[in-house]
Each structure stands twice: as structure tokens, then as C-alpha cells.
Amino acid sequence: MTVFGAFQLSGKDAYDKAIDGAPNFIDPPELQVVRMVEQGDIVMAELTGTAKRAAGGEMRISMAEVFVMREGKIAERRAWVIPLQENDYR
């Protein structure tokens, strides 16, 4: 998995650890799917969400993810995560 501008991981265990144990945050983020598009073995998703900060408060985010599928499983995942300021909310 690649989160552009942040990190790159390999393997399901590394991904689970990064999401569940993200520094400065508690709990996995709460995400809502805005839309999904599929073409062949590629699925793209637009998401919005909220991540709770360990120091208090929360961070609103907008995300785009690309999933490359092989034999019904995710073979590759790429993501773009953008923190939103209050005036960026919809």
C-alpha cells in the first residue's frame, strides 16, 4: 500500500498495524464512501472521514483510493489523504 506523501507498506499485517496504531490518533478513522468507480480489475473510491486525535479533537479528511484486484483479492492499494480545514467541509 502506498499513501502518497506519507508512507508505503507491504503486507496485510503492516497495513493493519499502521491503521490501528497510527501515531497521534486513537481508533481507526470513521470513513464514508462518496462514490466508487470500477473498470476491469481497477476500483477507485472517493471517501470522506474523521480521525480522532490522541491529544483531543479530530481531523476531517478527504481521500481517494485505487485498488488493483487479482483473482478477487486486493493486490495493490494506493491512497491520497488530504486533511480538511473547517472551510473545506461540504
N, C-alpha and C. Protein backbone atom coordinates (compact mmCIF):
# COMPACT_ATOMS: atom_id res chain seq x y z
N MET A 1 0.85 -1.18 0.00
CA MET A 1 0.00 0.00 0.00
C MET A 1 0.89 1.23 0.00
N THR A 2 0.50 2.19 -0.79
CA THR A 2 1.18 3.48 -0.82
C THR A 2 0.18 4.57 -0.47
N VAL A 3 0.50 5.37 0.55
CA VAL A 3 -0.24 6.59 0.83
C VAL A 3 0.71 7.70 0.40
N PHE A 4 0.41 8.31 -0.74
CA PHE A 4 1.31 9.29 -1.33
C PHE A 4 1.55 10.44 -0.37
N GLY A 5 2.82 10.80 -0.21
CA GLY A 5 3.21 11.88 0.68
C GLY A 5 3.32 11.47 2.14
N ALA A 6 3.04 10.18 2.45
CA ALA A 6 3.06 9.77 3.85
C ALA A 6 3.91 8.51 4.09
N PHE A 7 3.53 7.37 3.48
CA PHE A 7 4.25 6.14 3.73
C PHE A 7 3.93 5.08 2.69
N GLN A 8 4.73 4.00 2.71
CA GLN A 8 4.50 2.85 1.85
C GLN A 8 4.63 1.60 2.71
N LEU A 9 3.70 0.66 2.57
CA LEU A 9 3.68 -0.56 3.37
C LEU A 9 3.60 -1.78 2.47
N SER A 10 4.00 -2.91 2.99
CA SER A 10 3.87 -4.16 2.26
C SER A 10 3.27 -5.20 3.19
N GLY A 11 2.17 -5.79 2.79
CA GLY A 11 1.54 -6.86 3.57
C GLY A 11 0.39 -6.41 4.43
N LYS A 12 -0.53 -7.34 4.63
CA LYS A 12 -1.75 -7.07 5.40
C LYS A 12 -1.44 -6.71 6.86
N ASP A 13 -0.51 -7.41 7.48
CA ASP A 13 -0.18 -7.14 8.89
C ASP A 13 0.36 -5.72 9.07
N ALA A 14 1.23 -5.29 8.16
CA ALA A 14 1.78 -3.93 8.24
C ALA A 14 0.67 -2.90 8.07
N TYR A 15 -0.26 -3.16 7.15
CA TYR A 15 -1.38 -2.24 6.94
C TYR A 15 -2.25 -2.16 8.19
N ASP A 16 -2.63 -3.31 8.75
CA ASP A 16 -3.48 -3.32 9.95
C ASP A 16 -2.81 -2.57 11.10
N LYS A 17 -1.51 -2.78 11.28
CA LYS A 17 -0.78 -2.11 12.35
C LYS A 17 -0.75 -0.60 12.14
N ALA A 18 -0.55 -0.16 10.91
CA ALA A 18 -0.50 1.28 10.62
C ALA A 18 -1.84 1.95 10.85
N ILE A 19 -2.92 1.30 10.47
CA ILE A 19 -4.25 1.89 10.63
C ILE A 19 -4.67 1.88 12.10
N ASP A 20 -4.47 0.74 12.78
CA ASP A 20 -4.90 0.63 14.17
C ASP A 20 -3.97 1.35 15.14
N GLY A 21 -2.71 1.52 14.76
CA GLY A 21 -1.76 2.12 15.69
C GLY A 21 -1.14 3.41 15.16
N ALA A 22 -1.91 4.14 14.35
CA ALA A 22 -1.37 5.38 13.77
C ALA A 22 -0.98 6.35 14.89
N PRO A 23 0.26 6.84 14.85
CA PRO A 23 0.70 7.76 15.90
C PRO A 23 -0.16 9.02 15.93
N ASN A 24 -0.41 9.51 17.12
CA ASN A 24 -1.18 10.74 17.33
C ASN A 24 -2.68 10.58 17.12
N PHE A 25 -3.15 9.36 16.82
CA PHE A 25 -4.59 9.14 16.62
C PHE A 25 -5.05 7.96 17.46
N ILE A 26 -6.34 7.95 17.80
CA ILE A 26 -6.93 6.81 18.51
C ILE A 26 -8.02 6.22 17.63
N ASP A 27 -8.14 4.93 17.67
CA ASP A 27 -9.14 4.22 16.87
C ASP A 27 -8.89 4.39 15.38
N PRO A 28 -9.37 3.46 14.58
CA PRO A 28 -9.31 3.65 13.12
C PRO A 28 -10.19 4.83 12.72
N PRO A 29 -9.92 5.48 11.60
CA PRO A 29 -10.78 6.59 11.17
C PRO A 29 -12.17 6.11 10.80
N GLU A 30 -13.15 6.97 10.96
CA GLU A 30 -14.52 6.69 10.51
C GLU A 30 -14.64 7.22 9.09
N LEU A 31 -14.93 6.35 8.11
CA LEU A 31 -14.95 6.74 6.71
C LEU A 31 -16.31 6.51 6.08
N GLN A 32 -16.67 7.39 5.15
CA GLN A 32 -17.89 7.27 4.37
C GLN A 32 -17.52 7.28 2.89
N VAL A 33 -18.07 6.34 2.14
CA VAL A 33 -17.82 6.28 0.71
C VAL A 33 -18.71 7.31 0.02
N VAL A 34 -18.10 8.19 -0.75
CA VAL A 34 -18.83 9.19 -1.53
C VAL A 34 -19.26 8.57 -2.87
N ARG A 35 -18.29 7.91 -3.53
CA ARG A 35 -18.61 7.22 -4.79
C ARG A 35 -17.52 6.21 -5.10
N MET A 36 -17.88 5.22 -5.92
CA MET A 36 -16.92 4.22 -6.38
C MET A 36 -17.09 4.03 -7.87
N VAL A 37 -15.97 3.76 -8.54
CA VAL A 37 -15.96 3.53 -9.98
C VAL A 37 -15.13 2.28 -10.24
N GLU A 38 -15.61 1.41 -11.12
CA GLU A 38 -14.91 0.17 -11.41
C GLU A 38 -14.68 0.05 -12.91
N GLN A 39 -13.48 -0.35 -13.27
CA GLN A 39 -13.16 -0.61 -14.67
C GLN A 39 -12.21 -1.80 -14.71
N GLY A 40 -12.70 -2.92 -15.20
CA GLY A 40 -11.89 -4.12 -15.24
C GLY A 40 -11.45 -4.53 -13.84
N ASP A 41 -10.15 -4.67 -13.63
CA ASP A 41 -9.60 -5.08 -12.34
C ASP A 41 -9.22 -3.90 -11.45
N ILE A 42 -9.70 -2.70 -11.78
CA ILE A 42 -9.38 -1.49 -11.01
C ILE A 42 -10.66 -0.94 -10.40
N VAL A 43 -10.60 -0.64 -9.11
CA VAL A 43 -11.71 0.00 -8.40
C VAL A 43 -11.17 1.28 -7.78
N MET A 44 -11.88 2.39 -8.00
CA MET A 44 -11.49 3.67 -7.40
C MET A 44 -12.61 4.14 -6.47
N ALA A 45 -12.21 4.69 -5.32
CA ALA A 45 -13.20 5.15 -4.35
C ALA A 45 -12.84 6.55 -3.87
N GLU A 46 -13.86 7.38 -3.72
CA GLU A 46 -13.72 8.70 -3.08
C GLU A 46 -14.37 8.58 -1.72
N LEU A 47 -13.67 9.03 -0.67
CA LEU A 47 -14.17 8.92 0.69
C LEU A 47 -13.99 10.22 1.45
N THR A 48 -14.78 10.39 2.49
CA THR A 48 -14.56 11.45 3.47
C THR A 48 -14.56 10.78 4.83
N GLY A 49 -13.98 11.44 5.82
CA GLY A 49 -13.96 10.81 7.12
C GLY A 49 -13.43 11.70 8.22
N THR A 50 -13.36 11.08 9.40
CA THR A 50 -12.90 11.76 10.60
C THR A 50 -11.96 10.83 11.36
N ALA A 51 -10.81 11.37 11.77
CA ALA A 51 -9.86 10.63 12.60
C ALA A 51 -9.75 11.35 13.94
N LYS A 52 -9.90 10.60 15.03
CA LYS A 52 -9.82 11.19 16.37
C LYS A 52 -8.36 11.31 16.79
N ARG A 53 -7.98 12.52 17.23
CA ARG A 53 -6.61 12.79 17.68
C ARG A 53 -6.42 12.34 19.13
N ALA A 54 -5.25 11.76 19.42
CA ALA A 54 -4.94 11.33 20.79
C ALA A 54 -4.91 12.53 21.74
N ALA A 55 -4.50 13.70 21.26
CA ALA A 55 -4.43 14.91 22.09
C ALA A 55 -5.79 15.59 22.25
N GLY A 56 -6.82 15.03 21.62
CA GLY A 56 -8.16 15.62 21.68
C GLY A 56 -8.54 16.23 20.35
N GLY A 57 -9.80 16.30 20.09
CA GLY A 57 -10.30 16.82 18.83
C GLY A 57 -10.22 15.78 17.73
N GLU A 58 -10.49 16.23 16.53
CA GLU A 58 -10.49 15.30 15.40
C GLU A 58 -10.00 16.00 14.14
N MET A 59 -9.61 15.18 13.19
CA MET A 59 -9.16 15.69 11.90
C MET A 59 -10.12 15.17 10.83
N ARG A 60 -10.69 16.08 10.05
CA ARG A 60 -11.55 15.70 8.93
C ARG A 60 -10.66 15.47 7.72
N ILE A 61 -10.96 14.45 6.92
CA ILE A 61 -10.13 14.11 5.77
C ILE A 61 -10.97 13.83 4.53
N SER A 62 -10.36 14.05 3.39
CA SER A 62 -10.90 13.64 2.10
C SER A 62 -9.88 12.66 1.53
N MET A 63 -10.36 11.57 0.94
CA MET A 63 -9.46 10.53 0.45
C MET A 63 -9.87 10.05 -0.93
N ALA A 64 -8.89 9.58 -1.67
CA ALA A 64 -9.12 8.84 -2.91
C ALA A 64 -8.29 7.58 -2.81
N GLU A 65 -8.85 6.45 -3.20
CA GLU A 65 -8.13 5.18 -3.15
C GLU A 65 -8.29 4.45 -4.47
N VAL A 66 -7.21 3.78 -4.88
CA VAL A 66 -7.22 2.94 -6.08
C VAL A 66 -6.87 1.53 -5.63
N PHE A 67 -7.71 0.57 -5.98
CA PHE A 67 -7.47 -0.83 -5.66
C PHE A 67 -7.24 -1.59 -6.95
N VAL A 68 -6.13 -2.32 -7.04
CA VAL A 68 -5.85 -3.21 -8.17
C VAL A 68 -6.20 -4.61 -7.69
N MET A 69 -7.15 -5.26 -8.35
CA MET A 69 -7.64 -6.57 -7.94
C MET A 69 -7.01 -7.68 -8.78
N ARG A 70 -6.73 -8.81 -8.13
CA ARG A 70 -6.28 -10.02 -8.82
C ARG A 70 -6.98 -11.20 -8.18
N GLU A 71 -7.71 -11.95 -8.98
CA GLU A 71 -8.42 -13.14 -8.50
C GLU A 71 -9.32 -12.82 -7.31
N GLY A 72 -10.00 -11.67 -7.37
CA GLY A 72 -10.95 -11.28 -6.34
C GLY A 72 -10.33 -10.74 -5.06
N LYS A 73 -9.01 -10.54 -5.04
CA LYS A 73 -8.34 -10.00 -3.86
C LYS A 73 -7.60 -8.72 -4.21
N ILE A 74 -7.41 -7.86 -3.20
CA ILE A 74 -6.67 -6.62 -3.42
C ILE A 74 -5.19 -6.96 -3.55
N ALA A 75 -4.63 -6.68 -4.73
CA ALA A 75 -3.21 -6.94 -4.98
C ALA A 75 -2.37 -5.69 -4.73
N GLU A 76 -2.98 -4.54 -4.91
CA GLU A 76 -2.27 -3.28 -4.72
C GLU A 76 -3.27 -2.22 -4.30
N ARG A 77 -2.83 -1.31 -3.45
CA ARG A 77 -3.71 -0.24 -2.97
C ARG A 77 -2.90 1.05 -2.92
N ARG A 78 -3.45 2.09 -3.52
CA ARG A 78 -2.83 3.42 -3.50
C ARG A 78 -3.84 4.41 -2.94
N ALA A 79 -3.36 5.34 -2.12
CA ALA A 79 -4.29 6.29 -1.49
C ALA A 79 -3.70 7.69 -1.46
N TRP A 80 -4.59 8.66 -1.50
CA TRP A 80 -4.26 10.07 -1.32
C TRP A 80 -5.14 10.56 -0.19
N VAL A 81 -4.55 11.13 0.84
CA VAL A 81 -5.28 11.60 2.02
C VAL A 81 -5.00 13.08 2.20
N ILE A 82 -6.07 13.87 2.27
CA ILE A 82 -5.92 15.31 2.39
C ILE A 82 -6.67 15.78 3.64
N PRO A 83 -5.96 16.36 4.63
CA PRO A 83 -6.65 16.93 5.79
C PRO A 83 -7.49 18.13 5.33
N LEU A 84 -8.68 18.25 5.88
CA LEU A 84 -9.57 19.35 5.52
C LEU A 84 -9.59 20.40 6.62
N GLN A 85 -9.60 21.64 6.22
CA GLN A 85 -9.80 22.75 7.16
C GLN A 85 -11.30 22.96 7.29
N GLU A 86 -11.71 23.67 8.32
CA GLU A 86 -13.14 23.87 8.56
C GLU A 86 -13.87 24.41 7.35
N ASN A 87 -13.25 25.32 6.61
CA ASN A 87 -13.93 25.91 5.46
C ASN A 87 -13.93 24.99 4.23
N ASP A 88 -13.27 23.82 4.32
CA ASP A 88 -13.28 22.85 3.23
C ASP A 88 -14.44 21.85 3.34
N TYR A 89 -15.12 21.82 4.47
CA TYR A 89 -16.21 20.84 4.68
C TYR A 89 -17.33 21.12 3.69
N ARG A 90 -18.01 20.05 3.31
CA ARG A 90 -19.20 20.20 2.48
C ARG A 90 -20.43 20.16 3.37
